[in-house]
Amino acid sequence: MAYFEDKVAIITGGAAGIGKAASIKFAEANAQVIILDINDEAGEDLQKNLTAKGLKAKYYNCNTADADAVENTFKTIHTEFGKIDILVNNAGITRDSTLKKMSNEDWQKVIDVNLSGVFYCAKEAAKVMLEQGEGRIINVSSVVGLYGNFGQTNYAATKAGVIGLTKTMAKELGRKGINVNVVAPGFIATEMVKKMPEKVIQLMQDKIPCSRLGEPEDIANAFIFLAGPYSSYINGATLSVDGGVTI
């Protein structure tokens, strides 16, 4: 994919799961991939594996819930690479519990990473993209942000918030050449999900019209589409990649 040649793509939470699949996809598409994560071992291993194949990748430790860390990291990236073309806001956590049992601490942790972190990263990326007059920001929500989910008050709130945040960003930045969109994954076969009991996985799969869990690469492919030239007139949209579970 020559259209990603010389593009600088930042993937938050880029060392594992969907983020890792995205880092690999963008690197294979000739982008200079910036992997942001807090797992140094996984991030450094991924950088090493990609560069050993002749691909362009660099890992930075960055806690996206820390506004100062985000600002400093994005400034470092801009200084080193001269631009930021693509941001995939993928970093996220879960702290599941029913409303009655959910602690204030677990509520705030999920808000800090899943919503505030998206805001911090998008803000810093937008500063650079506005100077450039172009850019793509892709925020990761979830089907849970569309219809809610038992025991995930905090997670669902953040993922719904990401959609509202994106729509507003799209209105503000679209006229400046920056497209901002959402990808809302469904049930994806990440390593965490694969460790669930087989019965639970089967129950999840039974709800999906496509009769299978999604793969991380399915979501990464959506990122590639929204970051590429064939989506230039898509702005403020929510793309559900869920096998039809929300219909």
Protein backbone atom coordinates (compact mmCIF):
# COMPACT_ATOMS: atom_id res chain seq x y z
CA MET A 1 0.00 0.00 0.00
CA ALA A 2 2.10 2.82 -1.32
CA TYR A 3 -0.24 5.47 0.04
CA PHE A 4 1.10 4.86 3.56
CA GLU A 5 4.70 5.41 2.47
CA ASP A 6 6.22 8.22 4.58
CA LYS A 7 3.11 8.38 6.79
CA VAL A 8 3.63 8.50 10.55
CA ALA A 9 0.99 6.44 12.37
CA ILE A 10 0.64 6.42 16.15
CA ILE A 11 -1.13 3.42 17.70
CA THR A 12 -1.97 3.72 21.40
CA GLY A 13 -2.12 0.44 23.28
CA GLY A 14 -0.16 -0.74 20.29
CA ALA A 15 1.77 -3.63 21.84
CA ALA A 16 -0.99 -6.20 22.35
CA GLY A 17 -4.37 -7.36 21.09
CA ILE A 18 -6.08 -5.14 18.55
CA GLY A 19 -3.35 -2.54 18.93
CA LYS A 20 -0.64 -5.05 18.06
CA ALA A 21 -2.57 -6.18 14.98
CA ALA A 22 -2.89 -2.53 13.95
CA SER A 23 0.81 -1.84 14.49
CA ILE A 24 1.67 -4.79 12.27
CA LYS A 25 -0.86 -3.84 9.56
CA PHE A 26 0.34 -0.25 9.32
CA ALA A 27 3.99 -1.30 9.34
CA GLU A 28 3.31 -3.82 6.56
CA ALA A 29 1.58 -1.01 4.66
CA ASN A 30 4.88 0.95 4.72
CA ALA A 31 3.94 3.45 7.43
CA GLN A 32 6.36 4.59 10.11
CA VAL A 33 4.57 3.05 13.08
CA ILE A 34 4.78 4.55 16.55
CA ILE A 35 3.78 2.03 19.22
CA LEU A 36 2.57 3.64 22.44
CA ASP A 37 2.05 1.37 25.44
CA ILE A 38 3.06 0.90 29.07
CA ASN A 39 4.20 -2.71 28.64
CA ASP A 40 7.87 -2.19 27.84
CA GLU A 41 8.64 -5.85 27.23
CA ALA A 42 5.80 -6.30 24.72
CA GLY A 43 6.44 -2.94 23.05
CA GLU A 44 10.16 -3.46 22.65
CA ASP A 45 9.66 -7.03 21.39
CA LEU A 46 7.18 -5.84 18.77
CA GLN A 47 9.51 -3.06 17.64
CA LYS A 48 12.35 -5.56 17.36
CA ASN A 49 10.26 -8.06 15.40
CA LEU A 50 8.99 -5.46 12.95
CA THR A 51 12.33 -3.78 12.33
CA ALA A 52 13.97 -7.19 11.84
CA LYS A 53 11.64 -7.58 8.84
CA GLY A 54 12.79 -4.25 7.42
CA LEU A 55 9.64 -2.45 8.59
CA LYS A 56 9.56 0.92 10.34
CA ALA A 57 8.49 0.87 13.97
CA LYS A 58 9.44 2.58 17.20
CA TYR A 59 8.14 1.99 20.71
CA TYR A 60 7.56 4.67 23.35
CA ASN A 61 6.38 4.09 26.90
CA CYS A 62 3.40 6.40 27.39
CA ASN A 63 0.59 6.29 29.90
CA THR A 64 -2.21 7.87 27.87
CA ALA A 65 -4.14 8.64 31.08
CA ASP A 66 -1.36 11.08 32.05
CA ALA A 67 -1.83 14.38 30.23
CA ASP A 68 1.75 15.53 30.80
CA ALA A 69 3.18 12.22 29.59
CA VAL A 70 1.05 12.41 26.44
CA GLU A 71 2.08 15.99 25.71
CA ASN A 72 5.79 15.22 26.17
CA THR A 73 5.64 12.01 24.12
CA PHE A 74 3.82 13.61 21.21
CA LYS A 75 6.28 16.51 21.21
CA THR A 76 9.15 14.00 21.08
CA ILE A 77 7.52 12.12 18.20
CA HIS A 78 6.89 15.33 16.28
CA THR A 79 10.47 16.47 16.81
CA GLU A 80 11.93 13.15 15.70
CA PHE A 81 9.69 12.41 12.73
CA GLY A 82 8.55 15.89 11.70
CA LYS A 83 4.85 15.11 11.45
CA ILE A 84 1.92 13.00 12.65
CA ASP A 85 -0.40 11.73 9.92
CA ILE A 86 -2.52 9.10 11.67
CA LEU A 87 -3.61 8.52 15.25
CA VAL A 88 -5.40 5.33 16.30
CA ASN A 89 -6.72 5.86 19.82
CA ASN A 90 -6.90 2.20 20.83
CA ALA A 91 -5.64 2.06 24.43
CA GLY A 92 -8.28 0.88 26.86
CA ILE A 93 -8.92 -1.08 30.04
CA THR A 94 -11.81 -2.81 31.80
CA ARG A 95 -12.69 -2.93 35.50
CA ASP A 96 -16.00 -4.77 35.41
CA SER A 97 -18.55 -4.84 38.20
CA THR A 98 -22.24 -4.18 38.70
CA LEU A 99 -23.25 -0.63 39.51
CA LYS A 100 -23.89 -1.45 43.18
CA LYS A 101 -20.49 -3.07 43.65
CA MET A 102 -18.34 -0.85 41.44
CA SER A 103 -15.79 1.15 43.40
CA ASN A 104 -15.22 4.82 42.73
CA GLU A 105 -11.59 3.96 42.02
CA ASP A 106 -12.49 1.48 39.27
CA TRP A 107 -14.95 3.96 37.78
CA GLN A 108 -12.27 6.65 37.62
CA LYS A 109 -9.51 4.37 36.27
CA VAL A 110 -11.59 3.41 33.27
CA ILE A 111 -12.66 7.01 32.65
CA ASP A 112 -9.03 8.14 32.84
CA VAL A 113 -7.74 5.67 30.26
CA ASN A 114 -10.69 5.09 27.94
CA LEU A 115 -12.04 8.62 27.68
CA SER A 116 -9.58 11.16 29.05
CA GLY A 117 -6.72 9.33 27.32
CA VAL A 118 -8.50 9.60 23.98
CA PHE A 119 -8.99 13.32 24.54
CA TYR A 120 -5.34 13.91 25.55
CA CYS A 121 -3.93 12.05 22.55
CA ALA A 122 -6.36 13.53 20.05
CA LYS A 123 -5.64 17.03 21.32
CA GLU A 124 -1.89 16.64 20.90
CA ALA A 125 -2.21 14.98 17.49
CA ALA A 126 -4.63 17.67 16.32
CA LYS A 127 -2.12 20.42 17.15
CA VAL A 128 0.32 18.90 14.65
CA MET A 129 -2.31 17.96 12.08
CA LEU A 130 -3.74 21.48 12.07
CA GLU A 131 -0.30 22.82 11.18
CA GLN A 132 -0.07 20.24 8.39
CA GLY A 133 -3.59 20.89 7.10
CA GLU A 134 -4.41 17.17 7.07
CA GLY A 135 -4.61 14.06 9.20
CA ARG A 136 -6.70 11.10 10.29
CA ILE A 137 -7.84 10.34 13.83
CA ILE A 138 -9.51 7.00 14.53
CA ASN A 139 -11.02 6.52 17.98
CA VAL A 140 -11.88 3.05 19.23
CA SER A 141 -15.25 2.63 20.90
CA SER A 142 -17.17 -0.65 21.28
CA VAL A 143 -20.57 -2.10 20.52
CA VAL A 144 -21.00 -1.80 24.29
CA GLY A 145 -20.95 1.97 23.79
CA LEU A 146 -23.95 1.59 21.47
CA TYR A 147 -26.20 -0.70 23.53
CA GLY A 148 -24.65 -1.01 27.02
CA ASN A 149 -23.66 -4.18 28.82
CA PHE A 150 -24.40 -5.70 32.19
CA GLY A 151 -21.59 -5.13 34.68
CA GLN A 152 -19.81 -2.52 32.56
CA THR A 153 -21.23 0.81 33.65
CA ASN A 154 -17.82 2.46 33.51
CA TYR A 155 -16.68 0.86 30.24
CA ALA A 156 -19.97 1.51 28.43
CA ALA A 157 -19.98 5.12 29.59
CA THR A 158 -16.49 5.72 28.22
CA LYS A 159 -17.19 4.01 24.91
CA ALA A 160 -20.39 6.00 24.43
CA GLY A 161 -18.42 9.10 25.37
CA VAL A 162 -15.83 8.36 22.70
CA ILE A 163 -18.57 8.46 20.06
CA GLY A 164 -19.84 11.86 21.25
CA LEU A 165 -16.28 13.18 21.49
CA THR A 166 -15.57 12.02 17.95
CA LYS A 167 -18.65 13.65 16.45
CA THR A 168 -17.68 16.98 17.97
CA MET A 169 -14.05 16.65 16.90
CA ALA A 170 -15.21 15.79 13.37
CA LYS A 171 -17.24 19.00 13.20
CA GLU A 172 -14.36 21.11 14.48
CA LEU A 173 -11.53 19.52 12.51
CA GLY A 174 -13.19 18.32 9.30
CA ARG A 175 -13.02 21.76 7.71
CA LYS A 176 -9.28 21.78 8.42
CA GLY A 177 -8.58 18.59 6.45
CA ILE A 178 -8.65 16.24 9.44
CA ASN A 179 -11.09 13.33 9.36
CA VAL A 180 -12.15 11.87 12.72
CA ASN A 181 -14.05 8.60 12.92
CA VAL A 182 -14.92 5.77 15.30
CA VAL A 183 -14.48 2.02 15.01
CA ALA A 184 -16.76 0.04 17.33
CA PRO A 185 -15.52 -3.55 17.64
CA GLY A 186 -17.80 -6.39 18.67
CA PHE A 187 -16.65 -9.63 20.30
CA ILE A 188 -13.00 -9.99 19.29
CA ALA A 189 -10.82 -13.05 19.87
CA THR A 190 -8.00 -11.32 21.73
CA GLU A 191 -5.73 -13.31 24.03
CA MET A 192 -7.81 -12.15 26.99
CA VAL A 193 -11.04 -13.42 25.43
CA LYS A 194 -9.47 -16.73 24.41
CA LYS A 195 -8.71 -17.42 28.08
CA MET A 196 -12.43 -17.32 28.94
CA PRO A 197 -14.29 -20.60 29.54
CA GLU A 198 -15.32 -22.31 26.30
CA LYS A 199 -18.98 -22.12 27.34
CA VAL A 200 -18.79 -18.33 27.65
CA ILE A 201 -17.07 -18.00 24.27
CA GLN A 202 -19.75 -20.16 22.67
CA LEU A 203 -22.52 -18.02 24.17
CA MET A 204 -20.84 -14.94 22.71
CA GLN A 205 -20.46 -16.57 19.32
CA ASP A 206 -24.11 -17.68 19.25
CA LYS A 207 -25.18 -14.03 19.32
CA ILE A 208 -23.23 -13.14 16.17
CA PRO A 209 -24.93 -13.49 12.76
CA CYS A 210 -21.53 -14.17 11.15
CA SER A 211 -21.19 -17.15 13.53
CA ARG A 212 -17.65 -16.37 14.66
CA LEU A 213 -15.73 -14.05 16.90
CA GLY A 214 -13.85 -11.29 15.16
CA GLU A 215 -10.09 -11.38 14.87
CA PRO A 216 -7.89 -8.42 15.85
CA GLU A 217 -6.93 -8.18 12.16
CA ASP A 218 -10.59 -7.51 11.28
CA ILE A 219 -10.46 -4.34 13.36
CA ALA A 220 -7.01 -3.40 12.08
CA ASN A 221 -8.35 -3.64 8.52
CA ALA A 222 -11.02 -1.09 9.43
CA PHE A 223 -8.31 1.24 10.74
CA ILE A 224 -6.39 0.87 7.48
CA PHE A 225 -9.51 1.74 5.49
CA LEU A 226 -10.35 4.83 7.56
CA ALA A 227 -6.73 6.02 7.46
CA GLY A 228 -6.41 5.55 3.70
CA PRO A 229 -7.50 7.47 0.59
CA TYR A 230 -10.77 5.61 0.01
CA SER A 231 -12.37 7.12 3.11
CA SER A 232 -11.66 10.78 2.39
CA TYR A 233 -15.36 11.73 2.55
CA ILE A 234 -16.09 9.80 5.75
CA ASN A 235 -16.06 12.04 8.80
CA GLY A 236 -17.76 11.69 12.18
CA ALA A 237 -18.95 8.16 11.40
CA THR A 238 -19.14 5.13 13.66
CA LEU A 239 -18.13 1.95 11.87
CA SER A 240 -19.35 -1.14 13.72
CA VAL A 241 -17.09 -4.11 13.04
CA ASP A 242 -19.04 -6.76 14.90
CA GLY A 243 -20.23 -9.52 12.59
CA GLY A 244 -23.74 -8.08 12.79
CA VAL A 245 -24.23 -8.47 16.53
CA THR A 246 -25.89 -5.06 16.83
CA ILE A 247 -28.56 -5.60 14.15
